[in-house]
Protein backbone atom coordinates (compact mmCIF):
# COMPACT_ATOMS: atom_id res chain seq x y z
CA MET A 1 0.30 24.38 19.98
CA ALA A 2 -1.60 26.38 22.23
CA GLN A 3 1.34 26.25 24.91
CA ALA A 4 3.40 27.30 22.23
CA ILE A 5 1.76 30.46 21.61
CA ASN A 6 1.15 31.32 25.27
CA ALA A 7 4.42 30.97 25.67
CA GLY A 8 5.58 33.39 23.43
CA LEU A 9 6.22 31.77 20.02
CA ASP A 10 5.53 34.28 17.50
CA LEU A 11 6.18 32.42 14.03
CA GLU A 12 6.92 29.57 12.40
CA MET A 13 9.60 28.88 9.49
CA PRO A 14 9.14 30.14 6.80
CA GLY A 15 6.83 28.10 4.46
CA LEU A 16 3.18 26.58 4.59
CA ASN A 17 1.50 26.40 7.73
CA LYS A 18 1.58 23.11 9.24
CA TRP A 19 0.86 23.14 12.44
CA ARG A 20 -1.02 26.32 13.15
CA THR A 21 -3.95 27.22 10.54
CA PHE A 22 -6.47 29.17 10.79
CA GLU A 23 -8.52 27.00 12.20
CA GLN A 24 -6.38 25.39 14.59
CA VAL A 25 -6.00 28.39 15.89
CA GLY A 26 -9.54 29.40 16.36
CA ARG A 27 -10.40 26.25 17.68
CA CYS A 28 -7.26 26.91 20.50
CA ILE A 29 -9.54 30.40 21.21
CA ALA A 30 -12.79 28.55 20.75
CA ALA A 31 -11.26 26.36 23.59
CA LYS A 32 -10.13 29.03 25.47
CA GLU A 33 -6.72 27.61 25.49
CA VAL A 34 -5.53 30.82 24.19
CA GLY A 35 -6.68 34.48 24.84
CA ALA A 36 -7.29 37.40 22.25
CA TYR A 37 -5.18 39.50 24.11
CA THR A 38 -2.93 36.16 23.61
CA ILE A 39 -2.78 36.35 20.15
CA LYS A 40 -2.85 40.25 20.22
CA GLN A 41 0.59 40.35 21.82
CA ARG A 42 1.76 37.74 19.66
CA ALA A 43 0.94 40.53 16.58
CA LYS A 44 2.90 42.86 17.79
CA LYS A 45 5.86 41.21 18.53
CA VAL A 46 5.34 40.07 14.75
CA LEU A 47 4.49 43.09 13.86
CA GLU A 48 7.60 44.56 15.48
CA LEU A 49 10.33 42.93 14.50
CA VAL A 50 8.96 44.14 10.71
CA GLN A 51 9.13 47.05 11.89
CA ARG A 52 12.60 46.83 13.30
CA CYS A 53 13.83 44.72 9.76
CA ALA A 54 12.80 47.76 7.50
CA LYS A 55 14.73 50.25 9.28
CA GLU A 56 17.68 48.20 8.66
CA ALA A 57 16.72 47.76 5.21
CA PRO A 58 15.53 50.84 3.66
CA GLU A 59 15.48 50.03 0.09
CA VAL A 60 12.83 47.55 0.31
CA ARG A 61 10.20 50.04 1.87
CA GLY A 62 7.17 50.13 0.03
CA VAL A 63 8.36 47.38 -2.32
CA ASP A 64 5.52 44.54 -2.08
CA LEU A 65 7.28 41.28 -1.70
CA LEU A 66 4.53 38.96 -1.16
CA PRO A 67 4.60 37.78 -4.92
CA LEU A 68 8.73 36.78 -3.83
CA ALA A 69 7.71 34.65 -0.86
CA ARG A 70 5.07 33.03 -3.57
CA CYS A 71 7.13 32.25 -5.44
CA GLN A 72 9.59 30.67 -3.49
CA ILE A 73 7.61 29.20 -1.70
CA HIS A 74 5.61 26.75 -4.64
CA ASN A 75 9.93 26.42 -5.28
CA GLN A 76 10.82 24.38 -2.67
């Protein structure tokens, strides 16, 4: 997992976190396999993706999509 994060993997596929839970990432950071700077860079890339998507879909700006996402996850 640390290798994937260090190589630039920003996201898992949609669904439940199987491979990168908060605890697993925390252990990688504690073991110094992944640095805080790397985590910040991965988060920055995700936020940049969200911003690009929001520009292309102005109709969803300001809409809380979390309930819909939870519904889709539970229906799988």
